[in-house]
Amino acid sequence: MNTKKVILALVIVFLGFWMFTDPNGLADAASAGAEQAWVLAQQLFTAIIDFVGALT
């Protein structure tokens, strides 16, 4: 349990440091990550639709 708290604290400190030193870089990284997550979600749902369609 303590390890999870330490890792969470380190991530928060890292993101806070990144936000104050390079806010544009953090925004670009967040935007790129969200865009990639959306593409992966679209691919997943397309694969599920194709699978269900192949069952019938």
Protein backbone atom coordinates (compact mmCIF):
# COMPACT_ATOMS: atom_id res chain seq x y z
CA MET A 1 0.00 0.00 0.00
CA ASN A 2 2.81 2.41 0.83
CA THR A 3 4.51 1.72 -2.50
CA LYS A 4 1.39 2.81 -4.38
CA LYS A 5 1.28 6.05 -2.40
CA VAL A 6 4.94 6.75 -3.08
CA ILE A 7 4.56 6.09 -6.80
CA LEU A 8 1.43 8.28 -6.95
CA ALA A 9 3.26 11.08 -5.13
CA LEU A 10 6.22 10.82 -7.52
CA VAL A 11 3.91 10.99 -10.55
CA ILE A 12 2.14 14.04 -9.14
CA VAL A 13 5.44 15.77 -8.37
CA PHE A 14 6.74 14.95 -11.85
CA LEU A 15 3.60 16.28 -13.56
CA GLY A 16 3.65 19.40 -11.40
CA PHE A 17 7.31 20.02 -12.23
CA TRP A 18 6.60 19.46 -15.92
CA MET A 19 3.61 21.82 -15.78
CA PHE A 20 5.70 24.65 -14.32
CA THR A 21 8.79 24.13 -16.49
CA ASP A 22 7.18 23.30 -19.85
CA PRO A 23 3.40 23.77 -19.90
CA ASN A 24 3.22 23.68 -23.71
CA GLY A 25 5.07 20.38 -23.80
CA LEU A 26 2.71 18.90 -21.22
CA ALA A 27 -0.31 20.12 -23.18
CA ASP A 28 1.09 18.65 -26.40
CA ALA A 29 1.79 15.32 -24.71
CA ALA A 30 -1.70 15.20 -23.18
CA SER A 31 -3.27 16.05 -26.53
CA ALA A 32 -1.26 13.40 -28.35
CA GLY A 33 -2.10 10.82 -25.68
CA ALA A 34 -5.81 11.60 -25.85
CA GLU A 35 -5.74 11.42 -29.64
CA GLN A 36 -4.00 8.04 -29.55
CA ALA A 37 -6.49 6.74 -26.98
CA TRP A 38 -9.36 7.81 -29.26
CA VAL A 39 -7.80 6.03 -32.25
CA LEU A 40 -7.34 2.86 -30.20
CA ALA A 41 -10.94 3.03 -28.97
CA GLN A 42 -12.17 3.37 -32.56
CA GLN A 43 -10.09 0.37 -33.62
CA LEU A 44 -11.41 -1.68 -30.71
CA PHE A 45 -15.04 -0.93 -31.49
CA THR A 46 -14.50 -1.59 -35.20
CA ALA A 47 -12.96 -4.96 -34.34
CA ILE A 48 -15.88 -5.80 -32.03
CA ILE A 49 -18.41 -4.85 -34.75
CA ASP A 50 -16.53 -6.96 -37.30
CA PHE A 51 -16.41 -9.91 -34.87
CA VAL A 52 -20.11 -9.76 -34.09
CA GLY A 53 -20.89 -9.37 -37.78
CA ALA A 54 -18.83 -12.45 -38.56
CA LEU A 55 -20.80 -14.50 -36.04
CA THR A 56 -24.05 -14.06 -37.94
